[in-house]
Protein backbone atom coordinates (compact mmCIF):
# COMPACT_ATOMS: atom_id res chain seq x y z
CA MET A 1 -5.30 -17.69 10.65
CA LYS A 2 -5.70 -13.97 11.16
CA GLN A 3 -7.16 -11.97 8.30
CA TYR A 4 -5.28 -8.67 7.97
CA ARG A 5 -7.22 -5.48 7.31
CA PHE A 6 -5.54 -3.52 4.52
CA ALA A 7 -6.00 0.03 3.29
CA LEU A 8 -4.82 1.25 -0.10
CA ILE A 9 -3.67 4.87 -0.28
CA GLY A 10 -3.41 6.04 -3.88
CA CYS A 11 -5.73 4.64 -6.55
CA GLY A 12 -3.87 5.55 -9.73
CA ARG A 13 -2.10 3.42 -12.31
CA ILE A 14 -0.15 1.03 -10.04
CA SER A 15 -3.08 0.43 -7.68
CA LYS A 16 -4.52 -2.24 -9.97
CA ASN A 17 -1.72 -4.54 -8.79
CA HIS A 18 -2.64 -3.95 -5.16
CA ILE A 19 -6.31 -4.67 -5.89
CA ALA A 20 -5.35 -7.88 -7.71
CA ALA A 21 -3.15 -8.93 -4.78
CA ALA A 22 -5.96 -8.27 -2.31
CA ILE A 23 -8.35 -10.35 -4.41
CA ALA A 24 -5.84 -13.18 -4.82
CA ASN A 25 -5.08 -13.27 -1.09
CA GLN A 26 -8.57 -12.97 0.40
CA ASP A 27 -7.84 -15.85 2.74
CA ILE A 28 -5.31 -13.75 4.68
CA MET A 29 -6.32 -10.17 3.95
CA GLN A 30 -9.32 -7.96 3.35
CA LEU A 31 -9.18 -4.60 1.64
CA VAL A 32 -11.22 -2.48 4.06
CA ALA A 33 -10.50 1.01 2.69
CA VAL A 34 -9.30 2.77 -0.43
CA CYS A 35 -8.17 6.38 -0.45
CA ASP A 36 -7.40 8.90 -3.16
CA PRO A 37 -7.91 12.68 -3.32
CA VAL A 38 -9.68 12.02 -6.63
CA THR A 39 -12.69 10.25 -5.14
CA GLU A 40 -13.78 8.81 -8.50
CA ARG A 41 -10.56 6.78 -8.68
CA ALA A 42 -11.09 5.42 -5.18
CA GLU A 43 -14.73 4.57 -6.01
CA LYS A 44 -13.56 2.67 -9.12
CA LYS A 45 -11.06 0.58 -7.12
CA ALA A 46 -13.68 -0.13 -4.45
CA ALA A 47 -16.07 -1.26 -7.19
CA ASP A 48 -13.40 -3.51 -8.76
CA TYR A 49 -12.75 -5.16 -5.41
CA PHE A 50 -16.48 -5.51 -4.71
CA ALA A 51 -17.09 -7.12 -8.11
CA ALA A 52 -14.51 -9.80 -7.34
CA THR A 53 -15.20 -10.40 -3.65
CA GLY A 54 -18.66 -9.12 -2.77
CA LYS A 55 -17.08 -6.86 -0.13
CA LYS A 56 -16.96 -3.10 -0.62
CA PRO A 57 -14.12 -1.18 1.01
CA ALA A 58 -14.80 2.20 2.55
CA VAL A 59 -13.85 5.10 0.28
CA TYR A 60 -11.87 8.11 1.49
CA ALA A 61 -10.40 11.22 -0.09
CA ASP A 62 -8.29 12.01 3.00
CA PHE A 63 -5.93 9.38 4.40
CA HIS A 64 -5.75 11.21 7.77
CA LYS A 65 -9.48 10.70 8.22
CA MET A 66 -9.18 7.08 7.09
CA LEU A 67 -6.42 6.38 9.64
CA ALA A 68 -8.51 7.98 12.39
CA GLU A 69 -11.76 6.17 11.57
CA MET A 70 -10.82 2.72 10.28
CA GLU A 71 -9.44 -0.34 12.04
CA ILE A 72 -6.45 -1.12 9.80
CA ASP A 73 -3.51 -3.49 10.23
CA CYS A 74 -1.55 -2.55 7.11
CA CYS A 75 -1.41 0.38 4.69
CA ALA A 76 -0.22 0.07 1.10
CA ILE A 77 0.98 3.38 -0.35
CA ALA A 78 0.66 3.65 -4.12
CA THR A 79 0.71 7.42 -4.55
CA GLU A 80 3.02 9.57 -6.63
CA SER A 81 6.64 9.12 -5.51
CA GLY A 82 7.01 12.53 -3.90
CA TYR A 83 4.38 11.68 -1.28
CA HIS A 84 5.64 8.26 -0.18
CA ALA A 85 7.77 9.31 2.80
CA ARG A 86 5.29 11.78 4.27
CA ILE A 87 2.33 9.39 4.03
CA ALA A 88 4.37 6.39 5.20
CA LEU A 89 5.58 8.27 8.26
CA GLU A 90 2.03 9.19 9.20
CA CYS A 91 0.93 5.56 8.80
CA ILE A 92 3.90 4.36 10.87
CA ARG A 93 3.18 6.95 13.57
CA ALA A 94 -0.41 5.65 13.65
CA GLY A 95 1.00 2.18 14.39
CA LYS A 96 0.23 0.67 10.99
CA ASN A 97 2.41 -1.81 9.15
CA THR A 98 3.29 -0.04 5.92
CA LEU A 99 4.06 -1.17 2.37
CA VAL A 100 5.42 1.55 0.07
CA GLU A 101 5.76 1.49 -3.69
CA LYS A 102 9.19 2.32 -5.05
CA PRO A 103 10.96 4.59 -4.61
CA MET A 104 10.66 4.35 -0.88
CA ALA A 105 11.53 8.04 -0.53
CA LEU A 106 13.16 10.76 -2.58
CA SER A 107 16.03 11.23 -0.13
CA THR A 108 18.22 8.98 1.96
CA ARG A 109 17.38 11.09 5.00
CA ASP A 110 13.65 10.42 4.58
CA ALA A 111 14.23 6.70 3.97
CA GLU A 112 16.38 6.42 7.09
CA GLN A 113 13.73 8.26 9.12
CA MET A 114 11.05 5.85 7.87
CA ILE A 115 13.18 2.85 8.89
CA ARG A 116 14.05 4.36 12.27
CA GLU A 117 10.46 5.26 13.14
CA ALA A 118 9.12 1.87 12.03
CA LYS A 119 11.62 0.17 14.34
CA GLU A 120 10.70 2.51 17.20
CA LYS A 121 6.97 1.86 16.70
CA GLY A 122 7.48 -1.90 16.24
CA VAL A 123 5.74 -2.00 12.86
CA THR A 124 6.86 -3.58 9.62
CA LEU A 125 7.95 -1.34 6.76
CA GLY A 126 8.21 -2.92 3.30
CA VAL A 127 9.06 -1.57 -0.14
CA CYS A 128 7.70 -3.00 -3.41
CA HIS A 129 10.25 -4.17 -5.95
CA GLN A 130 7.91 -6.26 -8.08
CA ASN A 131 9.81 -5.74 -11.34
CA ARG A 132 12.48 -8.16 -10.19
CA PHE A 133 9.94 -10.91 -10.95
CA ASN A 134 9.28 -9.81 -14.53
CA ALA A 135 10.49 -12.30 -17.13
CA PRO A 136 12.97 -9.91 -18.85
CA ILE A 137 14.53 -9.00 -15.50
CA GLN A 138 14.80 -12.67 -14.56
CA GLN A 139 16.51 -13.39 -17.90
CA LEU A 140 18.93 -10.53 -17.32
CA HIS A 141 19.71 -11.84 -13.84
CA LYS A 142 20.42 -15.34 -15.23
CA ALA A 143 22.64 -13.88 -17.95
CA LEU A 144 24.60 -11.90 -15.36
CA ASP A 145 25.02 -14.95 -13.15
C-alpha cells in the first residue's frame, strides 16, 4: 500500500487534530512537512509528531517554498478561515490533493473556483466537517430523524 506524503499548512489550534490523525494513520501516511508563519508553532507540531513516530517533518514558514521544495501528495490546510481559498488554490495549482478545514472559502465564488480547478487539475479536494461525529451532534441528528 502506498504511503501518502502529507504537509500541514497552519499549526494553530485545530492543527492538533491533524497531527493526531497523522500519528493514528502512519501505515498509510507520513507527515513530511509542517508550515506556519509563526515558526515556533510549526516547530512544536513537528516535535509532537517526532515524539510519537520518531520521524521529524520539515519545518517551513512559507508554504510557497514548501510546495516548491518538498515531494508532497496531499496538503491539509488548517489556517485562519480567510486564507483557505487562496492557499488551497495554490496547492491545487501545484498538483496537490488538498484537504481544507471549514469553512472551505468565505465566498461561493471562491468555493466554486476551488472545485473547478481541482477537477481541471485532476486532484482531490476535501473539506473537513468533523463536528458531525461529535456525540451531541449525533444525538441531535437522531432526535431529528
